[in-house]
Amino acid sequence: MQQLKTVTIKTSNKVESVHVDTLYTIINNCYNNLQVVEADCTSASYFLNSANIFAQLQALYVENECNDYVSIENVMQVFSNNITYYDESSLYTQVVENTAMQNVQLENYTYLSN
């Protein structure tokens, strides 16, 4: 009789997720909220962050085309990577308004500076 044996154990993790239709709605809201580039640096930075969020959410949508749900953490990572200051938090709040993610707080996923 064999004394030692490697046994495969499958485990599952519960992950808070949203339906891909919610992600699609957020992407559409991002598109509708893209700002025009202006001459000053603050506006240009805001536009670049907005465009980056739009592009990265599209990439996340494509990565999950065969899934019905997307991890909220993955969605929030996109916003966390592109929003640094409290003044920029509207980049998040405007696009999740009236979606299943409207009660998810950005501050729970990133530190915002003044």
PDB file of N, CA and C in Angstrom:
ATOM      1  N   MET A   1       0.833  -1.160   0.000  1.00  0.00           N
ATOM      2  CA  MET A   1       0.000   0.000   0.000  1.00  0.00           C
ATOM      3  C   MET A   1       0.891   1.241   0.000  1.00  0.00           C
ATOM      4  N   GLN A   2       0.499   2.214  -0.837  1.00  0.00           N
ATOM      5  CA  GLN A   2       1.261   3.454  -0.955  1.00  0.00           C
ATOM      6  C   GLN A   2       0.957   4.351   0.242  1.00  0.00           C
ATOM      7  N   GLN A   3       2.017   4.843   0.904  1.00  0.00           N
ATOM      8  CA  GLN A   3       1.849   5.656   2.107  1.00  0.00           C
ATOM      9  C   GLN A   3       1.620   7.140   1.797  1.00  0.00           C
ATOM     10  N   LEU A   4       2.282   7.635   0.773  1.00  0.00           N
ATOM     11  CA  LEU A   4       2.150   9.041   0.389  1.00  0.00           C
ATOM     12  C   LEU A   4       1.563   9.120  -1.007  1.00  0.00           C
ATOM     13  N   LYS A   5       0.676  10.058  -1.173  1.00  0.00           N
ATOM     14  CA  LYS A   5       0.035  10.214  -2.466  1.00  0.00           C
ATOM     15  C   LYS A   5      -0.329  11.689  -2.653  1.00  0.00           C
ATOM     16  N   THR A   6      -0.178  12.169  -3.846  1.00  0.00           N
ATOM     17  CA  THR A   6      -0.580  13.540  -4.157  1.00  0.00           C
ATOM     18  C   THR A   6      -2.059  13.521  -4.515  1.00  0.00           C
ATOM     19  N   VAL A   7      -2.811  14.349  -3.834  1.00  0.00           N
ATOM     20  CA  VAL A   7      -4.249  14.407  -4.044  1.00  0.00           C
ATOM     21  C   VAL A   7      -4.598  15.794  -4.558  1.00  0.00           C
ATOM     22  N   THR A   8      -5.393  15.853  -5.587  1.00  0.00           N
ATOM     23  CA  THR A   8      -5.833  17.131  -6.138  1.00  0.00           C
ATOM     24  C   THR A   8      -7.125  17.532  -5.441  1.00  0.00           C
ATOM     25  N   ILE A   9      -7.123  18.731  -4.861  1.00  0.00           N
ATOM     26  CA  ILE A   9      -8.302  19.252  -4.176  1.00  0.00           C
ATOM     27  C   ILE A   9      -8.743  20.508  -4.913  1.00  0.00           C
ATOM     28  N   LYS A  10      -9.972  20.500  -5.331  1.00  0.00           N
ATOM     29  CA  LYS A  10     -10.512  21.676  -6.003  1.00  0.00           C
ATOM     30  C   LYS A  10     -11.170  22.573  -4.967  1.00  0.00           C
ATOM     31  N   THR A  11     -10.823  23.841  -5.017  1.00  0.00           N
ATOM     32  CA  THR A  11     -11.432  24.820  -4.126  1.00  0.00           C
ATOM     33  C   THR A  11     -12.064  25.909  -4.971  1.00  0.00           C
ATOM     34  N   SER A  12     -13.011  26.576  -4.417  1.00  0.00           N
ATOM     35  CA  SER A  12     -13.628  27.687  -5.132  1.00  0.00           C
ATOM     36  C   SER A  12     -13.641  28.905  -4.223  1.00  0.00           C
ATOM     37  N   ASN A  13     -13.487  30.035  -4.827  1.00  0.00           N
ATOM     38  CA  ASN A  13     -13.517  31.307  -4.111  1.00  0.00           C
ATOM     39  C   ASN A  13     -14.754  32.076  -4.538  1.00  0.00           C
ATOM     40  N   LYS A  14     -15.409  32.694  -3.584  1.00  0.00           N
ATOM     41  CA  LYS A  14     -16.533  33.561  -3.904  1.00  0.00           C
ATOM     42  C   LYS A  14     -15.984  34.936  -4.236  1.00  0.00           C
ATOM     43  N   VAL A  15     -16.331  35.432  -5.398  1.00  0.00           N
ATOM     44  CA  VAL A  15     -15.832  36.723  -5.863  1.00  0.00           C
ATOM     45  C   VAL A  15     -17.032  37.585  -6.231  1.00  0.00           C
ATOM     46  N   GLU A  16     -17.091  38.793  -5.667  1.00  0.00           N
ATOM     47  CA  GLU A  16     -18.159  39.708  -6.046  1.00  0.00           C
ATOM     48  C   GLU A  16     -17.997  40.078  -7.509  1.00  0.00           C
ATOM     49  N   SER A  17     -19.075  39.952  -8.254  1.00  0.00           N
ATOM     50  CA  SER A  17     -19.011  40.161  -9.698  1.00  0.00           C
ATOM     51  C   SER A  17     -20.228  40.931 -10.175  1.00  0.00           C
ATOM     52  N   VAL A  18     -20.097  41.459 -11.373  1.00  0.00           N
ATOM     53  CA  VAL A  18     -21.221  42.113 -12.042  1.00  0.00           C
ATOM     54  C   VAL A  18     -21.419  41.458 -13.400  1.00  0.00           C
ATOM     55  N   HIS A  19     -22.623  41.541 -13.901  1.00  0.00           N
ATOM     56  CA  HIS A  19     -22.924  40.975 -15.211  1.00  0.00           C
ATOM     57  C   HIS A  19     -22.208  41.775 -16.296  1.00  0.00           C
ATOM     58  N   VAL A  20     -21.835  41.116 -17.366  1.00  0.00           N
ATOM     59  CA  VAL A  20     -21.120  41.807 -18.442  1.00  0.00           C
ATOM     60  C   VAL A  20     -21.965  42.913 -19.067  1.00  0.00           C
ATOM     61  N   ASP A  21     -23.286  42.814 -18.968  1.00  0.00           N
ATOM     62  CA  ASP A  21     -24.136  43.898 -19.476  1.00  0.00           C
ATOM     63  C   ASP A  21     -23.912  45.186 -18.684  1.00  0.00           C
ATOM     64  N   THR A  22     -23.633  45.042 -17.389  1.00  0.00           N
ATOM     65  CA  THR A  22     -23.311  46.216 -16.569  1.00  0.00           C
ATOM     66  C   THR A  22     -21.999  46.831 -17.040  1.00  0.00           C
ATOM     67  N   LEU A  23     -21.013  45.979 -17.294  1.00  0.00           N
ATOM     68  CA  LEU A  23     -19.730  46.471 -17.801  1.00  0.00           C
ATOM     69  C   LEU A  23     -19.926  47.177 -19.140  1.00  0.00           C
ATOM     70  N   TYR A  24     -20.753  46.613 -20.007  1.00  0.00           N
ATOM     71  CA  TYR A  24     -21.027  47.228 -21.309  1.00  0.00           C
ATOM     72  C   TYR A  24     -21.680  48.606 -21.134  1.00  0.00           C
ATOM     73  N   THR A  25     -22.601  48.715 -20.196  1.00  0.00           N
ATOM     74  CA  THR A  25     -23.248  50.006 -19.915  1.00  0.00           C
ATOM     75  C   THR A  25     -22.229  51.027 -19.430  1.00  0.00           C
ATOM     76  N   ILE A  26     -21.326  50.591 -18.560  1.00  0.00           N
ATOM     77  CA  ILE A  26     -20.281  51.490 -18.058  1.00  0.00           C
ATOM     78  C   ILE A  26     -19.381  51.943 -19.205  1.00  0.00           C
ATOM     79  N   ILE A  27     -19.053  51.038 -20.117  1.00  0.00           N
ATOM     80  CA  ILE A  27     -18.230  51.400 -21.283  1.00  0.00           C
ATOM     81  C   ILE A  27     -18.954  52.442 -22.125  1.00  0.00           C
ATOM     82  N   ASN A  28     -20.246  52.257 -22.361  1.00  0.00           N
ATOM     83  CA  ASN A  28     -21.020  53.250 -23.122  1.00  0.00           C
ATOM     84  C   ASN A  28     -21.039  54.592 -22.409  1.00  0.00           C
ATOM     85  N   ASN A  29     -21.187  54.567 -21.089  1.00  0.00           N
ATOM     86  CA  ASN A  29     -21.160  55.820 -20.324  1.00  0.00           C
ATOM     87  C   ASN A  29     -19.799  56.500 -20.434  1.00  0.00           C
ATOM     88  N   CYS A  30     -18.729  55.710 -20.416  1.00  0.00           N
ATOM     89  CA  CYS A  30     -17.379  56.271 -20.598  1.00  0.00           C
ATOM     90  C   CYS A  30     -17.270  56.952 -21.952  1.00  0.00           C
ATOM     91  N   TYR A  31     -17.756  56.291 -22.970  1.00  0.00           N
ATOM     92  CA  TYR A  31     -17.699  56.859 -24.322  1.00  0.00           C
ATOM     93  C   TYR A  31     -18.458  58.189 -24.374  1.00  0.00           C
ATOM     94  N   ASN A  32     -19.633  58.204 -23.777  1.00  0.00           N
ATOM     95  CA  ASN A  32     -20.450  59.420 -23.791  1.00  0.00           C
ATOM     96  C   ASN A  32     -19.842  60.547 -22.964  1.00  0.00           C
ATOM     97  N   ASN A  33     -18.976  60.202 -22.014  1.00  0.00           N
ATOM     98  CA  ASN A  33     -18.370  61.207 -21.145  1.00  0.00           C
ATOM     99  C   ASN A  33     -16.951  61.593 -21.544  1.00  0.00           C
ATOM    100  N   LEU A  34     -16.456  61.075 -22.659  1.00  0.00           N
ATOM    101  CA  LEU A  34     -15.114  61.471 -23.087  1.00  0.00           C
ATOM    102  C   LEU A  34     -15.087  62.981 -23.297  1.00  0.00           C
ATOM    103  N   GLN A  35     -14.079  63.604 -22.752  1.00  0.00           N
ATOM    104  CA  GLN A  35     -13.957  65.060 -22.798  1.00  0.00           C
ATOM    105  C   GLN A  35     -13.090  65.484 -23.979  1.00  0.00           C
ATOM    106  N   VAL A  36     -13.242  66.716 -24.368  1.00  0.00           N
ATOM    107  CA  VAL A  36     -12.422  67.287 -25.421  1.00  0.00           C
ATOM    108  C   VAL A  36     -11.111  67.760 -24.802  1.00  0.00           C
ATOM    109  N   VAL A  37     -10.005  67.528 -25.478  1.00  0.00           N
ATOM    110  CA  VAL A  37      -8.705  67.966 -24.982  1.00  0.00           C
ATOM    111  C   VAL A  37      -8.629  69.485 -25.066  1.00  0.00           C
ATOM    112  N   GLU A  38      -8.208  70.084 -23.973  1.00  0.00           N
ATOM    113  CA  GLU A  38      -8.023  71.529 -23.943  1.00  0.00           C
ATOM    114  C   GLU A  38      -6.545  71.843 -23.775  1.00  0.00           C
ATOM    115  N   ALA A  39      -6.209  73.107 -23.871  1.00  0.00           N
ATOM    116  CA  ALA A  39      -4.806  73.522 -23.859  1.00  0.00           C
ATOM    117  C   ALA A  39      -4.131  73.357 -22.500  1.00  0.00           C
ATOM    118  N   ASP A  40      -4.893  73.453 -21.408  1.00  0.00           N
ATOM    119  CA  ASP A  40      -4.217  73.380 -20.105  1.00  0.00           C
ATOM    120  C   ASP A  40      -3.952  71.928 -19.699  1.00  0.00           C
ATOM    121  N   CYS A  41      -2.934  71.766 -18.881  1.00  0.00           N
ATOM    122  CA  CYS A  41      -2.453  70.429 -18.501  1.00  0.00           C
ATOM    123  C   CYS A  41      -3.472  69.632 -17.699  1.00  0.00           C
ATOM    124  N   THR A  42      -4.230  70.303 -16.840  1.00  0.00           N
ATOM    125  CA  THR A  42      -5.212  69.587 -16.015  1.00  0.00           C
ATOM    126  C   THR A  42      -6.283  68.954 -16.879  1.00  0.00           C
ATOM    127  N   SER A  43      -6.793  69.703 -17.831  1.00  0.00           N
ATOM    128  CA  SER A  43      -7.811  69.164 -18.733  1.00  0.00           C
ATOM    129  C   SER A  43      -7.257  68.043 -19.589  1.00  0.00           C
ATOM    130  N   ALA A  44      -6.031  68.199 -20.047  1.00  0.00           N
ATOM    131  CA  ALA A  44      -5.406  67.161 -20.868  1.00  0.00           C
ATOM    132  C   ALA A  44      -5.226  65.880 -20.062  1.00  0.00           C
ATOM    133  N   SER A  45      -4.821  66.016 -18.808  1.00  0.00           N
ATOM    134  CA  SER A  45      -4.650  64.855 -17.938  1.00  0.00           C
ATOM    135  C   SER A  45      -5.988  64.165 -17.699  1.00  0.00           C
ATOM    136  N   TYR A  46      -7.029  64.950 -17.458  1.00  0.00           N
ATOM    137  CA  TYR A  46      -8.370  64.413 -17.240  1.00  0.00           C
ATOM    138  C   TYR A  46      -8.837  63.637 -18.468  1.00  0.00           C
ATOM    139  N   PHE A  47      -8.606  64.204 -19.649  1.00  0.00           N
ATOM    140  CA  PHE A  47      -8.995  63.528 -20.889  1.00  0.00           C
ATOM    141  C   PHE A  47      -8.232  62.216 -21.060  1.00  0.00           C
ATOM    142  N   LEU A  48      -6.927  62.238 -20.827  1.00  0.00           N
ATOM    143  CA  LEU A  48      -6.126  61.016 -20.977  1.00  0.00           C
ATOM    144  C   LEU A  48      -6.589  59.929 -20.016  1.00  0.00           C
ATOM    145  N   ASN A  49      -6.884  60.303 -18.778  1.00  0.00           N
ATOM    146  CA  ASN A  49      -7.387  59.324 -17.818  1.00  0.00           C
ATOM    147  C   ASN A  49      -8.727  58.760 -18.266  1.00  0.00           C
ATOM    148  N   SER A  50      -9.587  59.623 -18.769  1.00  0.00           N
ATOM    149  CA  SER A  50     -10.897  59.203 -19.268  1.00  0.00           C
ATOM    150  C   SER A  50     -10.748  58.239 -20.445  1.00  0.00           C
ATOM    151  N   ALA A  51      -9.866  58.560 -21.356  1.00  0.00           N
ATOM    152  CA  ALA A  51      -9.628  57.707 -22.526  1.00  0.00           C
ATOM    153  C   ALA A  51      -8.997  56.373 -22.120  1.00  0.00           C
ATOM    154  N   ASN A  52      -8.073  56.413 -21.166  1.00  0.00           N
ATOM    155  CA  ASN A  52      -7.449  55.178 -20.685  1.00  0.00           C
ATOM    156  C   ASN A  52      -8.472  54.260 -20.013  1.00  0.00           C
ATOM    157  N   ILE A  53      -9.348  54.836 -19.209  1.00  0.00           N
ATOM    158  CA  ILE A  53     -10.391  54.040 -18.563  1.00  0.00           C
ATOM    159  C   ILE A  53     -11.273  53.392 -19.619  1.00  0.00           C
ATOM    160  N   PHE A  54     -11.677  54.175 -20.604  1.00  0.00           N
ATOM    161  CA  PHE A  54     -12.514  53.659 -21.691  1.00  0.00           C
ATOM    162  C   PHE A  54     -11.822  52.485 -22.393  1.00  0.00           C
ATOM    163  N   ALA A  55     -10.568  52.659 -22.764  1.00  0.00           N
ATOM    164  CA  ALA A  55      -9.831  51.617 -23.482  1.00  0.00           C
ATOM    165  C   ALA A  55      -9.614  50.368 -22.624  1.00  0.00           C
ATOM    166  N   GLN A  56      -9.265  50.567 -21.361  1.00  0.00           N
ATOM    167  CA  GLN A  56      -8.993  49.425 -20.488  1.00  0.00           C
ATOM    168  C   GLN A  56     -10.261  48.652 -20.143  1.00  0.00           C
ATOM    169  N   LEU A  57     -11.390  49.348 -20.018  1.00  0.00           N
ATOM    170  CA  LEU A  57     -12.658  48.651 -19.788  1.00  0.00           C
ATOM    171  C   LEU A  57     -13.063  47.852 -21.023  1.00  0.00           C
ATOM    172  N   GLN A  58     -12.802  48.385 -22.207  1.00  0.00           N
ATOM    173  CA  GLN A  58     -13.073  47.625 -23.430  1.00  0.00           C
ATOM    174  C   GLN A  58     -12.227  46.364 -23.472  1.00  0.00           C
ATOM    175  N   ALA A  59     -10.965  46.464 -23.106  1.00  0.00           N
ATOM    176  CA  ALA A  59     -10.082  45.295 -23.083  1.00  0.00           C
ATOM    177  C   ALA A  59     -10.591  44.262 -22.075  1.00  0.00           C
ATOM    178  N   LEU A  60     -11.044  44.714 -20.925  1.00  0.00           N
ATOM    179  CA  LEU A  60     -11.597  43.812 -19.924  1.00  0.00           C
ATOM    180  C   LEU A  60     -12.852  43.124 -20.448  1.00  0.00           C
ATOM    181  N   TYR A  61     -13.682  43.865 -21.166  1.00  0.00           N
ATOM    182  CA  TYR A  61     -14.903  43.309 -21.757  1.00  0.00           C
ATOM    183  C   TYR A  61     -14.552  42.202 -22.758  1.00  0.00           C
ATOM    184  N   VAL A  62     -13.562  42.456 -23.592  1.00  0.00           N
ATOM    185  CA  VAL A  62     -13.140  41.469 -24.595  1.00  0.00           C
ATOM    186  C   VAL A  62     -12.553  40.229 -23.916  1.00  0.00           C
ATOM    187  N   GLU A  63     -11.761  40.435 -22.864  1.00  0.00           N
ATOM    188  CA  GLU A  63     -11.175  39.311 -22.131  1.00  0.00           C
ATOM    189  C   GLU A  63     -12.250  38.396 -21.542  1.00  0.00           C
ATOM    190  N   ASN A  64     -13.408  38.961 -21.253  1.00  0.00           N
ATOM    191  CA  ASN A  64     -14.479  38.209 -20.605  1.00  0.00           C
ATOM    192  C   ASN A  64     -15.657  37.943 -21.534  1.00  0.00           C
ATOM    193  N   GLU A  65     -15.406  37.917 -22.837  1.00  0.00           N
ATOM    194  CA  GLU A  65     -16.491  37.753 -23.791  1.00  0.00           C
ATOM    195  C   GLU A  65     -17.239  36.429 -23.634  1.00  0.00           C
ATOM    196  N   CYS A  66     -16.596  35.419 -23.110  1.00  0.00           N
ATOM    197  CA  CYS A  66     -17.233  34.113 -22.935  1.00  0.00           C
ATOM    198  C   CYS A  66     -17.818  33.933 -21.535  1.00  0.00           C
ATOM    199  N   ASN A  67     -17.665  34.931 -20.684  1.00  0.00           N
ATOM    200  CA  ASN A  67     -18.170  34.851 -19.316  1.00  0.00           C
ATOM    201  C   ASN A  67     -19.416  35.716 -19.176  1.00  0.00           C
ATOM    202  N   ASP A  68     -20.302  35.296 -18.294  1.00  0.00           N
ATOM    203  CA  ASP A  68     -21.483  36.104 -18.014  1.00  0.00           C
ATOM    204  C   ASP A  68     -21.218  37.170 -16.968  1.00  0.00           C
ATOM    205  N   TYR A  69     -20.182  36.941 -16.138  1.00  0.00           N
ATOM    206  CA  TYR A  69     -19.886  37.858 -15.045  1.00  0.00           C
ATOM    207  C   TYR A  69     -18.420  38.241 -15.032  1.00  0.00           C
ATOM    208  N   VAL A  70     -18.167  39.455 -14.526  1.00  0.00           N
ATOM    209  CA  VAL A  70     -16.817  39.992 -14.406  1.00  0.00           C
ATOM    210  C   VAL A  70     -16.601  40.388 -12.955  1.00  0.00           C
ATOM    211  N   SER A  71     -15.433  40.096 -12.446  1.00  0.00           N
ATOM    212  CA  SER A  71     -15.095  40.440 -11.071  1.00  0.00           C
ATOM    213  C   SER A  71     -15.134  41.956 -10.880  1.00  0.00           C
ATOM    214  N   ILE A  72     -15.794  42.388  -9.818  1.00  0.00           N
ATOM    215  CA  ILE A  72     -15.829  43.820  -9.500  1.00  0.00           C
ATOM    216  C   ILE A  72     -14.415  44.325  -9.244  1.00  0.00           C
ATOM    217  N   GLU A  73     -13.600  43.492  -8.632  1.00  0.00           N
ATOM    218  CA  GLU A  73     -12.212  43.886  -8.359  1.00  0.00           C
ATOM    219  C   GLU A  73     -11.462  44.203  -9.652  1.00  0.00           C
ATOM    220  N   ASN A  74     -11.691  43.422 -10.703  1.00  0.00           N
ATOM    221  CA  ASN A  74     -11.038  43.692 -11.991  1.00  0.00           C
ATOM    222  C   ASN A  74     -11.531  44.991 -12.606  1.00  0.00           C
ATOM    223  N   VAL A  75     -12.818  45.254 -12.477  1.00  0.00           N
ATOM    224  CA  VAL A  75     -13.375  46.510 -12.998  1.00  0.00           C
ATOM    225  C   VAL A  75     -12.792  47.688 -12.213  1.00  0.00           C
ATOM    226  N   MET A  76     -12.760  47.557 -10.897  1.00  0.00           N
ATOM    227  CA  MET A  76     -12.267  48.648 -10.065  1.00  0.00           C
ATOM    228  C   MET A  76     -10.770  48.880 -10.251  1.00  0.00           C
ATOM    229  N   GLN A  77     -10.045  47.853 -10.620  1.00  0.00           N
ATOM    230  CA  GLN A  77      -8.609  47.997 -10.878  1.00  0.00           C
ATOM    231  C   GLN A  77      -8.362  48.990 -12.015  1.00  0.00           C
ATOM    232  N   VAL A  78      -9.235  48.971 -13.016  1.00  0.00           N
ATOM    233  CA  VAL A  78      -9.112  49.918 -14.132  1.00  0.00           C
ATOM    234  C   VAL A  78      -9.226  51.349 -13.615  1.00  0.00           C
ATOM    235  N   PHE A  79     -10.230  51.598 -12.783  1.00  0.00           N
ATOM    236  CA  PHE A  79     -10.409  52.945 -12.243  1.00  0.00           C
ATOM    237  C   PHE A  79      -9.270  53.316 -11.293  1.00  0.00           C
ATOM    238  N   SER A  80      -8.852  52.378 -10.484  1.00  0.00           N
ATOM    239  CA  SER A  80      -7.759  52.629  -9.532  1.00  0.00           C
ATOM    240  C   SER A  80      -6.461  52.977 -10.233  1.00  0.00           C
ATOM    241  N   ASN A  81      -6.229  52.384 -11.391  1.00  0.00           N
ATOM    242  CA  ASN A  81      -5.004  52.650 -12.151  1.00  0.00           C
ATOM    243  C   ASN A  81      -4.994  54.031 -12.791  1.00  0.00           C
ATOM    244  N   ASN A  82      -6.157  54.665 -12.900  1.00  0.00           N
ATOM    245  CA  ASN A  82      -6.246  55.906 -13.660  1.00  0.00           C
ATOM    246  C   ASN A  82      -6.756  57.109 -12.872  1.00  0.00           C
ATOM    247  N   ILE A  83      -7.218  56.891 -11.665  1.00  0.00           N
ATOM    248  CA  ILE A  83      -7.735  57.999 -10.851  1.00  0.00           C
ATOM    249  C   ILE A  83      -6.833  58.156  -9.636  1.00  0.00           C
ATOM    250  N   THR A  84      -6.261  59.337  -9.491  1.00  0.00           N
ATOM    251  CA  THR A  84      -5.308  59.600  -8.415  1.00  0.00           C
ATOM    252  C   THR A  84      -5.848  60.585  -7.389  1.00  0.00           C
ATOM    253  N   TYR A  85      -6.607  61.564  -7.837  1.00  0.00           N
ATOM    254  CA  TYR A  85      -7.041  62.659  -6.978  1.00  0.00           C
ATOM    255  C   TYR A  85      -8.553  62.653  -6.784  1.00  0.00           C
ATOM    256  N   TYR A  86      -8.995  63.205  -5.651  1.00  0.00           N
ATOM    257  CA  TYR A  86     -10.426  63.319  -5.394  1.00  0.00           C
ATOM    258  C   TYR A  86     -11.127  64.078  -6.515  1.00  0.00           C
ATOM    259  N   ASP A  87     -10.455  65.080  -7.077  1.00  0.00           N
ATOM    260  CA  ASP A  87     -11.041  65.877  -8.156  1.00  0.00           C
ATOM    261  C   ASP A  87     -11.363  65.041  -9.390  1.00  0.00           C
ATOM    262  N   GLU A  88     -10.683  63.921  -9.534  1.00  0.00           N
ATOM    263  CA  GLU A  88     -10.898  63.059 -10.702  1.00  0.00           C
ATOM    264  C   GLU A  88     -11.935  61.957 -10.445  1.00  0.00           C
ATOM    265  N   SER A  89     -12.443  61.889  -9.233  1.00  0.00           N
ATOM    266  CA  SER A  89     -13.355  60.796  -8.891  1.00  0.00           C
ATOM    267  C   SER A  89     -14.639  60.815  -9.716  1.00  0.00           C
ATOM    268  N   SER A  90     -14.957  61.952 -10.320  1.00  0.00           N
ATOM    269  CA  SER A  90     -16.137  62.003 -11.196  1.00  0.00           C
ATOM    270  C   SER A  90     -15.960  61.113 -12.423  1.00  0.00           C
ATOM    271  N   LEU A  91     -14.706  60.815 -12.771  1.00  0.00           N
ATOM    272  CA  LEU A  91     -14.472  59.867 -13.864  1.00  0.00           C
ATOM    273  C   LEU A  91     -15.100  58.505 -13.538  1.00  0.00           C
ATOM    274  N   TYR A  92     -15.182  58.199 -12.266  1.00  0.00           N
ATOM    275  CA  TYR A  92     -15.821  56.956 -11.820  1.00  0.00           C
ATOM    276  C   TYR A  92     -17.318  57.144 -11.586  1.00  0.00           C
ATOM    277  N   THR A  93     -17.666  58.145 -10.770  1.00  0.00           N
ATOM    278  CA  THR A  93     -19.065  58.287 -10.352  1.00  0.00           C
ATOM    279  C   THR A  93     -20.007  58.555 -11.518  1.00  0.00           C
ATOM    280  N   GLN A  94     -19.558  59.307 -12.519  1.00  0.00           N
ATOM    281  CA  GLN A  94     -20.416  59.616 -13.655  1.00  0.00           C
ATOM    282  C   GLN A  94     -20.732  58.394 -14.514  1.00  0.00           C
ATOM    283  N   VAL A  95     -19.792  57.476 -14.619  1.00  0.00           N
ATOM    284  CA  VAL A  95     -20.004  56.344 -15.528  1.00  0.00           C
ATOM    285  C   VAL A  95     -20.684  55.150 -14.869  1.00  0.00           C
ATOM    286  N   VAL A  96     -20.665  55.087 -13.532  1.00  0.00           N
ATOM    287  CA  VAL A  96     -21.351  53.974 -12.862  1.00  0.00           C
ATOM    288  C   VAL A  96     -22.740  54.382 -12.362  1.00  0.00           C
ATOM    289  N   GLU A  97     -23.074  55.642 -12.536  1.00  0.00           N
ATOM    290  CA  GLU A  97     -24.381  56.128 -12.105  1.00  0.00           C
ATOM    291  C   GLU A  97     -25.485  55.337 -12.796  1.00  0.00           C
ATOM    292  N   ASN A  98     -26.482  54.941 -12.024  1.00  0.00           N
ATOM    293  CA  ASN A  98     -27.630  54.164 -12.504  1.00  0.00           C
ATOM    294  C   ASN A  98     -27.251  52.782 -13.042  1.00  0.00           C
ATOM    295  N   THR A  99     -26.174  52.211 -12.502  1.00  0.00           N
ATOM    296  CA  THR A  99     -25.809  50.831 -12.830  1.00  0.00           C
ATOM    297  C   THR A  99     -25.743  50.039 -11.525  1.00  0.00           C
ATOM    298  N   ALA A 100     -25.529  48.752 -11.641  1.00  0.00           N
ATOM    299  CA  ALA A 100     -25.414  47.898 -10.457  1.00  0.00           C
ATOM    300  C   ALA A 100     -24.202  48.262  -9.610  1.00  0.00           C
ATOM    301  N   MET A 101     -23.263  49.037 -10.156  1.00  0.00           N
ATOM    302  CA  MET A 101     -22.053  49.406  -9.421  1.00  0.00           C
ATOM    303  C   MET A 101     -22.128  50.787  -8.780  1.00  0.00           C
ATOM    304  N   GLN A 102     -23.262  51.434  -8.836  1.00  0.00           N
ATOM    305  CA  GLN A 102     -23.344  52.804  -8.315  1.00  0.00           C
ATOM    306  C   GLN A 102     -23.095  52.897  -6.817  1.00  0.00           C
ATOM    307  N   ASN A 103     -23.277  51.812  -6.076  1.00  0.00           N
ATOM    308  CA  ASN A 103     -23.031  51.841  -4.629  1.00  0.00           C
ATOM    309  C   ASN A 103     -21.649  51.315  -4.250  1.00  0.00           C
ATOM    310  N   VAL A 104     -20.848  50.939  -5.233  1.00  0.00           N
ATOM    311  CA  VAL A 104     -19.476  50.491  -4.972  1.00  0.00           C
ATOM    312  C   VAL A 104     -18.616  51.740  -4.817  1.00  0.00           C
ATOM    313  N   GLN A 105     -17.952  51.854  -3.688  1.00  0.00           N
ATOM    314  CA  GLN A 105     -17.155  53.042  -3.383  1.00  0.00           C
ATOM    315  C   GLN A 105     -15.743  52.919  -3.938  1.00  0.00           C
ATOM    316  N   LEU A 106     -15.338  53.882  -4.737  1.00  0.00           N
ATOM    317  CA  LEU A 106     -13.993  53.911  -5.311  1.00  0.00           C
ATOM    318  C   LEU A 106     -12.932  53.901  -4.218  1.00  0.00           C
ATOM    319  N   GLU A 107     -13.198  54.610  -3.129  1.00  0.00           N
ATOM    320  CA  GLU A 107     -12.227  54.737  -2.045  1.00  0.00           C
ATOM    321  C   GLU A 107     -11.912  53.402  -1.362  1.00  0.00           C
ATOM    322  N   ASN A 108     -12.769  52.404  -1.542  1.00  0.00           N
ATOM    323  CA  ASN A 108     -12.501  51.079  -0.978  1.00  0.00           C
ATOM    324  C   ASN A 108     -11.470  50.307  -1.797  1.00  0.00           C
ATOM    325  N   TYR A 109     -11.128  50.822  -2.966  1.00  0.00           N
ATOM    326  CA  TYR A 109     -10.203  50.125  -3.854  1.00  0.00           C
ATOM    327  C   TYR A 109      -8.921  50.895  -4.140  1.00  0.00           C
ATOM    328  N   THR A 110      -8.896  52.166  -3.768  1.00  0.00           N
ATOM    329  CA  THR A 110      -7.692  52.970  -4.018  1.00  0.00           C
ATOM    330  C   THR A 110      -7.620  54.128  -3.040  1.00  0.00           C
ATOM    331  N   TYR A 111      -6.424  54.660  -2.876  1.00  0.00           N
ATOM    332  CA  TYR A 111      -6.206  55.856  -2.064  1.00  0.00           C
ATOM    333  C   TYR A 111      -6.236  57.070  -2.988  1.00  0.00           C
ATOM    334  N   LEU A 112      -7.052  58.052  -2.668  1.00  0.00           N
ATOM    335  CA  LEU A 112      -7.108  59.274  -3.466  1.00  0.00           C
ATOM    336  C   LEU A 112      -6.433  60.410  -2.726  1.00  0.00           C
ATOM    337  N   SER A 113      -5.650  61.188  -3.445  1.00  0.00           N
ATOM    338  CA  SER A 113      -4.957  62.332  -2.869  1.00  0.00           C
ATOM    339  C   SER A 113      -5.782  63.602  -3.072  1.00  0.00           C
ATOM    340  N   ASN A 114      -5.421  64.630  -2.297  1.00  0.00           N
ATOM    341  CA  ASN A 114      -6.094  65.927  -2.456  1.00  0.00           C
ATOM    342  C   ASN A 114      -5.524  66.704  -3.587  1.00  0.00           C
TER     343      ASN A 114
END
